[in-house]
């Protein structure tokens, strides 16, 4: 019990210092981290499960996008996914199935990719701005909203590319992914809850940037 009593404050101190370190990195290093998260998105895109009922496969990209917002914050989390989209559109073969090119963004799955960038930026913004959402349930709601953003963008492009109505777009582009993406949201919420500080620690960090949650 005494070991736990000692370890918990140390863990909380480490967590806050890690968050402060990320916040105060030079811009060049933040961009480097964004490039790293873009590469992670590219790797996760190769985790692919095709479905017979839809032209859109299950991939690991949603989890990567959610975590980008958690790990890099509002600007650089979104930037990581924008870099992923931009470099992929320019020809880097790190989209689903080791593909690249602008045609992927204008194809049936392109809306999801755009939604992932928006979701990462949104999650990063809310986590940076509101300390009180950094509980598990707050993070789970936030991740589900992020998944919803991805679904809206994805379903719109599915409807446009395939020339189908909203009902079929939802059937093709949303319903097959609900359970897998719920699992990804749970994983992302758990990681976020473990890593994000819940308040400033003994005044070590500027209270204007990290207001106390208690």
C-alpha atoms as a PDB file:
ATOM      1  CA  UNK A   1       0.000   0.000   0.000  1.00  0.00           C
ATOM      2  CA  UNK A   2       2.841   2.379   0.862  1.00  0.00           C
ATOM      3  CA  UNK A   3       4.477   1.595  -2.492  1.00  0.00           C
ATOM      4  CA  UNK A   4       1.263   2.515  -4.309  1.00  0.00           C
ATOM      5  CA  UNK A   5       0.919   5.696  -2.244  1.00  0.00           C
ATOM      6  CA  UNK A   6       4.416   6.687  -3.346  1.00  0.00           C
ATOM      7  CA  UNK A   7       4.055   5.586  -6.978  1.00  0.00           C
ATOM      8  CA  UNK A   8       0.762   7.357  -7.721  1.00  0.00           C
ATOM      9  CA  UNK A   9       2.023  10.918  -7.093  1.00  0.00           C
ATOM     10  CA  UNK A  10       5.161  10.125  -9.091  1.00  0.00           C
ATOM     11  CA  UNK A  11       3.052   8.860 -11.966  1.00  0.00           C
ATOM     12  CA  UNK A  12       0.910  11.989 -11.884  1.00  0.00           C
ATOM     13  CA  UNK A  13       4.024  14.177 -11.815  1.00  0.00           C
ATOM     14  CA  UNK A  14       5.536  12.311 -14.760  1.00  0.00           C
ATOM     15  CA  UNK A  15       2.284  12.585 -16.683  1.00  0.00           C
ATOM     16  CA  UNK A  16       2.125  16.349 -16.259  1.00  0.00           C
ATOM     17  CA  UNK A  17       5.793  16.836 -17.114  1.00  0.00           C
ATOM     18  CA  UNK A  18       5.409  14.761 -20.264  1.00  0.00           C
ATOM     19  CA  UNK A  19       2.449  16.923 -21.287  1.00  0.00           C
ATOM     20  CA  UNK A  20       4.382  20.104 -20.546  1.00  0.00           C
ATOM     21  CA  UNK A  21       7.366  18.774 -22.522  1.00  0.00           C
ATOM     22  CA  UNK A  22       5.163  18.169 -25.551  1.00  0.00           C
ATOM     23  CA  UNK A  23       3.606  21.616 -25.253  1.00  0.00           C
ATOM     24  CA  UNK A  24       6.946  23.473 -25.052  1.00  0.00           C
ATOM     25  CA  UNK A  25       8.899  21.630 -27.758  1.00  0.00           C
ATOM     26  CA  UNK A  26      10.382  23.778 -30.547  1.00  0.00           C
ATOM     27  CA  UNK A  27       8.202  23.986 -33.636  1.00  0.00           C
ATOM     28  CA  UNK A  28      10.584  21.854 -35.702  1.00  0.00           C
ATOM     29  CA  UNK A  29      10.309  18.989 -33.227  1.00  0.00           C
ATOM     30  CA  UNK A  30       6.546  19.285 -33.072  1.00  0.00           C
ATOM     31  CA  UNK A  31       6.424  19.037 -36.855  1.00  0.00           C
ATOM     32  CA  UNK A  32       8.727  16.006 -36.661  1.00  0.00           C
ATOM     33  CA  UNK A  33       6.290  14.373 -34.230  1.00  0.00           C
ATOM     34  CA  UNK A  34       3.440  15.188 -36.615  1.00  0.00           C
ATOM     35  CA  UNK A  35       5.356  13.486 -39.437  1.00  0.00           C
ATOM     36  CA  UNK A  36       5.857  10.494 -37.143  1.00  0.00           C
ATOM     37  CA  UNK A  37       2.128  10.300 -36.433  1.00  0.00           C
ATOM     38  CA  UNK A  38       1.448  10.566 -40.171  1.00  0.00           C
ATOM     39  CA  UNK A  39       3.737   7.573 -40.682  1.00  0.00           C
ATOM     40  CA  UNK A  40       1.862   5.722 -37.929  1.00  0.00           C
ATOM     41  CA  UNK A  41      -1.386   6.436 -39.769  1.00  0.00           C
ATOM     42  CA  UNK A  42       0.210   5.003 -42.903  1.00  0.00           C
ATOM     43  CA  UNK A  43       1.217   1.846 -41.066  1.00  0.00           C
ATOM     44  CA  UNK A  44      -2.200   1.476 -39.454  1.00  0.00           C
ATOM     45  CA  UNK A  45      -3.831   1.810 -42.885  1.00  0.00           C
ATOM     46  CA  UNK A  46      -2.225  -1.502 -43.835  1.00  0.00           C
ATOM     47  CA  UNK A  47      -4.143  -3.267 -41.045  1.00  0.00           C
ATOM     48  CA  UNK A  48      -7.024  -4.034 -43.364  1.00  0.00           C
ATOM     49  CA  UNK A  49     -10.102  -6.257 -43.159  1.00  0.00           C
ATOM     50  CA  UNK A  50     -12.180  -6.237 -46.387  1.00  0.00           C
ATOM     51  CA  UNK A  51     -15.945  -6.587 -46.040  1.00  0.00           C
ATOM     52  CA  UNK A  52     -18.228  -8.207 -48.589  1.00  0.00           C
ATOM     53  CA  UNK A  53     -21.110  -5.836 -47.836  1.00  0.00           C
ATOM     54  CA  UNK A  54     -19.267  -2.572 -48.560  1.00  0.00           C
ATOM     55  CA  UNK A  55     -16.383  -1.272 -50.688  1.00  0.00           C
ATOM     56  CA  UNK A  56     -14.922   0.357 -47.559  1.00  0.00           C
ATOM     57  CA  UNK A  57     -12.658  -1.949 -45.491  1.00  0.00           C
ATOM     58  CA  UNK A  58     -12.021  -1.903 -41.758  1.00  0.00           C
ATOM     59  CA  UNK A  59      -8.578  -0.415 -41.061  1.00  0.00           C
ATOM     60  CA  UNK A  60      -6.549   0.803 -38.103  1.00  0.00           C
ATOM     61  CA  UNK A  61      -6.530   4.414 -39.259  1.00  0.00           C
ATOM     62  CA  UNK A  62      -9.396   5.554 -37.054  1.00  0.00           C
ATOM     63  CA  UNK A  63      -7.463   4.618 -33.911  1.00  0.00           C
ATOM     64  CA  UNK A  64      -4.368   6.407 -35.207  1.00  0.00           C
ATOM     65  CA  UNK A  65      -6.364   9.569 -35.898  1.00  0.00           C
ATOM     66  CA  UNK A  66      -7.982   9.567 -32.453  1.00  0.00           C
ATOM     67  CA  UNK A  67      -4.609   9.092 -30.764  1.00  0.00           C
ATOM     68  CA  UNK A  68      -3.042  11.846 -32.880  1.00  0.00           C
ATOM     69  CA  UNK A  69      -5.374  14.360 -31.266  1.00  0.00           C
ATOM     70  CA  UNK A  70      -4.587  12.979 -27.810  1.00  0.00           C
ATOM     71  CA  UNK A  71      -0.813  12.848 -28.189  1.00  0.00           C
ATOM     72  CA  UNK A  72      -0.127  15.971 -30.259  1.00  0.00           C
ATOM     73  CA  UNK A  73      -2.963  18.347 -29.400  1.00  0.00           C
ATOM     74  CA  UNK A  74      -5.191  20.542 -31.473  1.00  0.00           C
ATOM     75  CA  UNK A  75      -2.818  21.937 -34.099  1.00  0.00           C
ATOM     76  CA  UNK A  76      -0.164  19.282 -34.537  1.00  0.00           C
ATOM     77  CA  UNK A  77      -2.600  16.407 -34.114  1.00  0.00           C
ATOM     78  CA  UNK A  78      -4.615  17.762 -37.021  1.00  0.00           C
ATOM     79  CA  UNK A  79      -1.419  18.622 -38.913  1.00  0.00           C
ATOM     80  CA  UNK A  80      -0.248  15.012 -38.669  1.00  0.00           C
ATOM     81  CA  UNK A  81      -3.331  13.830 -40.516  1.00  0.00           C
ATOM     82  CA  UNK A  82      -3.144  16.672 -43.036  1.00  0.00           C
ATOM     83  CA  UNK A  83       0.448  15.620 -43.770  1.00  0.00           C
ATOM     84  CA  UNK A  84      -0.743  12.059 -44.145  1.00  0.00           C
ATOM     85  CA  UNK A  85      -3.370  13.164 -46.661  1.00  0.00           C
ATOM     86  CA  UNK A  86      -1.120  15.605 -48.508  1.00  0.00           C
ATOM     87  CA  UNK A  87       1.874  13.312 -48.863  1.00  0.00           C
ATOM     88  CA  UNK A  88      -0.380  10.396 -49.777  1.00  0.00           C
ATOM     89  CA  UNK A  89      -2.120  12.480 -52.432  1.00  0.00           C
ATOM     90  CA  UNK A  90       1.317  13.456 -53.757  1.00  0.00           C
ATOM     91  CA  UNK A  91       2.119   9.790 -54.290  1.00  0.00           C
ATOM     92  CA  UNK A  92       3.546   8.377 -51.053  1.00  0.00           C
ATOM     93  CA  UNK A  93       2.119   4.813 -51.039  1.00  0.00           C
ATOM     94  CA  UNK A  94       0.835   4.725 -47.486  1.00  0.00           C
ATOM     95  CA  UNK A  95      -2.890   4.776 -48.004  1.00  0.00           C
ATOM     96  CA  UNK A  96      -4.932   1.597 -47.602  1.00  0.00           C
ATOM     97  CA  UNK A  97      -3.315  -1.262 -49.551  1.00  0.00           C
ATOM     98  CA  UNK A  98      -0.032   0.626 -50.074  1.00  0.00           C
ATOM     99  CA  UNK A  99      -1.670   3.001 -52.529  1.00  0.00           C
ATOM    100  CA  UNK A 100      -1.146   6.698 -53.078  1.00  0.00           C
ATOM    101  CA  UNK A 101      -2.282   9.511 -55.326  1.00  0.00           C
ATOM    102  CA  UNK A 102      -5.058  12.068 -55.476  1.00  0.00           C
ATOM    103  CA  UNK A 103      -7.473   9.448 -56.761  1.00  0.00           C
ATOM    104  CA  UNK A 104      -7.651   7.880 -53.302  1.00  0.00           C
ATOM    105  CA  UNK A 105      -8.917  11.144 -51.789  1.00  0.00           C
ATOM    106  CA  UNK A 106     -11.523  11.548 -54.513  1.00  0.00           C
ATOM    107  CA  UNK A 107     -12.563   7.888 -54.304  1.00  0.00           C
ATOM    108  CA  UNK A 108     -15.049   6.121 -52.076  1.00  0.00           C
ATOM    109  CA  UNK A 109     -12.830   6.168 -48.956  1.00  0.00           C
ATOM    110  CA  UNK A 110     -11.558   9.736 -49.301  1.00  0.00           C
ATOM    111  CA  UNK A 111     -14.208  11.257 -47.051  1.00  0.00           C
ATOM    112  CA  UNK A 112     -13.101   9.134 -44.128  1.00  0.00           C
ATOM    113  CA  UNK A 113      -9.522  10.353 -44.534  1.00  0.00           C
ATOM    114  CA  UNK A 114     -10.649  13.978 -44.491  1.00  0.00           C
ATOM    115  CA  UNK A 115     -12.842  13.235 -41.472  1.00  0.00           C
ATOM    116  CA  UNK A 116      -9.868  11.752 -39.632  1.00  0.00           C
ATOM    117  CA  UNK A 117      -7.947  15.009 -39.961  1.00  0.00           C
ATOM    118  CA  UNK A 118     -10.949  16.967 -38.653  1.00  0.00           C
ATOM    119  CA  UNK A 119     -11.482  14.490 -35.812  1.00  0.00           C
ATOM    120  CA  UNK A 120      -7.827  14.659 -34.707  1.00  0.00           C
ATOM    121  CA  UNK A 121      -7.918  18.460 -34.656  1.00  0.00           C
ATOM    122  CA  UNK A 122     -11.210  18.489 -32.748  1.00  0.00           C
ATOM    123  CA  UNK A 123     -10.058  15.991 -30.114  1.00  0.00           C
ATOM    124  CA  UNK A 124      -6.791  17.854 -29.653  1.00  0.00           C
ATOM    125  CA  UNK A 125      -8.599  21.178 -29.275  1.00  0.00           C
ATOM    126  CA  UNK A 126     -11.052  19.937 -26.661  1.00  0.00           C
ATOM    127  CA  UNK A 127      -8.372  18.133 -24.650  1.00  0.00           C
ATOM    128  CA  UNK A 128      -6.053  21.145 -24.720  1.00  0.00           C
ATOM    129  CA  UNK A 129      -8.808  23.577 -23.797  1.00  0.00           C
ATOM    130  CA  UNK A 130     -10.906  21.696 -21.220  1.00  0.00           C
ATOM    131  CA  UNK A 131      -9.173  19.794 -18.435  1.00  0.00           C
ATOM    132  CA  UNK A 132     -12.442  18.426 -17.082  1.00  0.00           C
ATOM    133  CA  UNK A 133     -13.009  16.182 -20.098  1.00  0.00           C
ATOM    134  CA  UNK A 134      -9.886  14.169 -19.272  1.00  0.00           C
ATOM    135  CA  UNK A 135     -11.776  11.556 -17.274  1.00  0.00           C
ATOM    136  CA  UNK A 136     -12.435   8.184 -18.905  1.00  0.00           C
ATOM    137  CA  UNK A 137     -16.090   8.953 -19.634  1.00  0.00           C
ATOM    138  CA  UNK A 138     -15.244  12.406 -20.910  1.00  0.00           C
ATOM    139  CA  UNK A 139     -12.671  10.909 -23.231  1.00  0.00           C
ATOM    140  CA  UNK A 140     -15.016   8.175 -24.408  1.00  0.00           C
ATOM    141  CA  UNK A 141     -17.662  10.744 -25.357  1.00  0.00           C
ATOM    142  CA  UNK A 142     -14.987  12.808 -27.091  1.00  0.00           C
ATOM    143  CA  UNK A 143     -13.721   9.795 -29.057  1.00  0.00           C
ATOM    144  CA  UNK A 144     -17.251   8.865 -30.092  1.00  0.00           C
ATOM    145  CA  UNK A 145     -17.802  12.410 -31.362  1.00  0.00           C
ATOM    146  CA  UNK A 146     -14.547  12.079 -33.292  1.00  0.00           C
ATOM    147  CA  UNK A 147     -15.769   8.819 -34.827  1.00  0.00           C
ATOM    148  CA  UNK A 148     -19.034  10.575 -35.676  1.00  0.00           C
ATOM    149  CA  UNK A 149     -17.128  13.298 -37.544  1.00  0.00           C
ATOM    150  CA  UNK A 150     -15.351  10.604 -39.553  1.00  0.00           C
ATOM    151  CA  UNK A 151     -18.655   8.892 -40.312  1.00  0.00           C
ATOM    152  CA  UNK A 152     -20.351  12.064 -41.523  1.00  0.00           C
ATOM    153  CA  UNK A 153     -17.500  12.945 -43.890  1.00  0.00           C
ATOM    154  CA  UNK A 154     -17.171   9.352 -45.054  1.00  0.00           C
ATOM    155  CA  UNK A 155     -20.872   8.783 -45.671  1.00  0.00           C
ATOM    156  CA  UNK A 156     -21.208  12.009 -47.648  1.00  0.00           C
ATOM    157  CA  UNK A 157     -18.418  10.977 -50.017  1.00  0.00           C
ATOM    158  CA  UNK A 158     -19.753   7.412 -50.271  1.00  0.00           C
ATOM    159  CA  UNK A 159     -23.100   8.867 -51.347  1.00  0.00           C
ATOM    160  CA  UNK A 160     -21.493  11.163 -53.915  1.00  0.00           C
ATOM    161  CA  UNK A 161     -19.055   8.631 -55.395  1.00  0.00           C
ATOM    162  CA  UNK A 162     -21.479   5.712 -55.536  1.00  0.00           C
ATOM    163  CA  UNK A 163     -24.482   7.864 -56.426  1.00  0.00           C
ATOM    164  CA  UNK A 164     -26.668   6.480 -53.629  1.00  0.00           C
ATOM    165  CA  UNK A 165     -29.062   8.070 -51.166  1.00  0.00           C
ATOM    166  CA  UNK A 166     -28.407   8.743 -47.467  1.00  0.00           C
ATOM    167  CA  UNK A 167     -29.884   5.393 -46.364  1.00  0.00           C
ATOM    168  CA  UNK A 168     -27.585   3.319 -48.550  1.00  0.00           C
ATOM    169  CA  UNK A 169     -24.622   5.545 -47.740  1.00  0.00           C
ATOM    170  CA  UNK A 170     -25.171   4.836 -44.052  1.00  0.00           C
ATOM    171  CA  UNK A 171     -25.659   1.125 -44.738  1.00  0.00           C
ATOM    172  CA  UNK A 172     -22.443   0.957 -46.770  1.00  0.00           C
ATOM    173  CA  UNK A 173     -20.350   3.507 -44.952  1.00  0.00           C
ATOM    174  CA  UNK A 174     -21.378   3.542 -41.288  1.00  0.00           C
ATOM    175  CA  UNK A 175     -23.244   0.512 -39.946  1.00  0.00           C
ATOM    176  CA  UNK A 176     -20.579  -2.139 -40.726  1.00  0.00           C
ATOM    177  CA  UNK A 177     -18.017  -0.181 -38.693  1.00  0.00           C
ATOM    178  CA  UNK A 178     -19.934   0.723 -35.558  1.00  0.00           C
ATOM    179  CA  UNK A 179     -18.743  -2.150 -33.370  1.00  0.00           C
ATOM    180  CA  UNK A 180     -15.072  -2.093 -34.505  1.00  0.00           C
ATOM    181  CA  UNK A 181     -14.929   1.672 -34.073  1.00  0.00           C
ATOM    182  CA  UNK A 182     -16.533   1.456 -30.634  1.00  0.00           C
ATOM    183  CA  UNK A 183     -13.643  -0.815 -29.641  1.00  0.00           C
ATOM    184  CA  UNK A 184     -11.157   1.699 -31.083  1.00  0.00           C
ATOM    185  CA  UNK A 185     -12.866   4.528 -29.192  1.00  0.00           C
ATOM    186  CA  UNK A 186     -12.605   2.538 -25.945  1.00  0.00           C
ATOM    187  CA  UNK A 187      -8.896   1.912 -26.547  1.00  0.00           C
ATOM    188  CA  UNK A 188      -8.228   5.561 -27.396  1.00  0.00           C
ATOM    189  CA  UNK A 189     -10.201   6.761 -24.357  1.00  0.00           C
ATOM    190  CA  UNK A 190      -8.240   4.425 -22.095  1.00  0.00           C
ATOM    191  CA  UNK A 191      -4.905   5.626 -23.474  1.00  0.00           C
ATOM    192  CA  UNK A 192      -5.976   9.265 -23.197  1.00  0.00           C
ATOM    193  CA  UNK A 193      -7.143   8.813 -19.615  1.00  0.00           C
ATOM    194  CA  UNK A 194      -3.824   7.253 -18.674  1.00  0.00           C
ATOM    195  CA  UNK A 195      -1.659   9.895 -20.372  1.00  0.00           C
ATOM    196  CA  UNK A 196      -3.454  13.220 -19.978  1.00  0.00           C
ATOM    197  CA  UNK A 197      -2.882  15.198 -16.745  1.00  0.00           C
ATOM    198  CA  UNK A 198      -6.026  16.018 -14.818  1.00  0.00           C
ATOM    199  CA  UNK A 199      -4.755  19.290 -13.304  1.00  0.00           C
ATOM    200  CA  UNK A 200      -1.640  21.359 -12.715  1.00  0.00           C
ATOM    201  CA  UNK A 201       0.706  19.851 -10.141  1.00  0.00           C
ATOM    202  CA  UNK A 202       1.774  22.117  -7.246  1.00  0.00           C
ATOM    203  CA  UNK A 203       1.774  25.117  -9.529  1.00  0.00           C
ATOM    204  CA  UNK A 204       4.558  23.681 -11.683  1.00  0.00           C
ATOM    205  CA  UNK A 205       2.777  24.621 -14.904  1.00  0.00           C
ATOM    206  CA  UNK A 206       1.228  27.929 -15.922  1.00  0.00           C
ATOM    207  CA  UNK A 207      -2.344  27.793 -14.582  1.00  0.00           C
ATOM    208  CA  UNK A 208      -3.609  29.777 -17.549  1.00  0.00           C
ATOM    209  CA  UNK A 209      -2.611  26.933 -19.857  1.00  0.00           C
ATOM    210  CA  UNK A 210      -3.382  24.065 -17.491  1.00  0.00           C
ATOM    211  CA  UNK A 211      -6.219  25.170 -15.175  1.00  0.00           C
ATOM    212  CA  UNK A 212      -6.904  22.910 -12.224  1.00  0.00           C
ATOM    213  CA  UNK A 213      -9.660  20.350 -12.545  1.00  0.00           C
ATOM    214  CA  UNK A 214     -10.226  20.056  -8.793  1.00  0.00           C
END
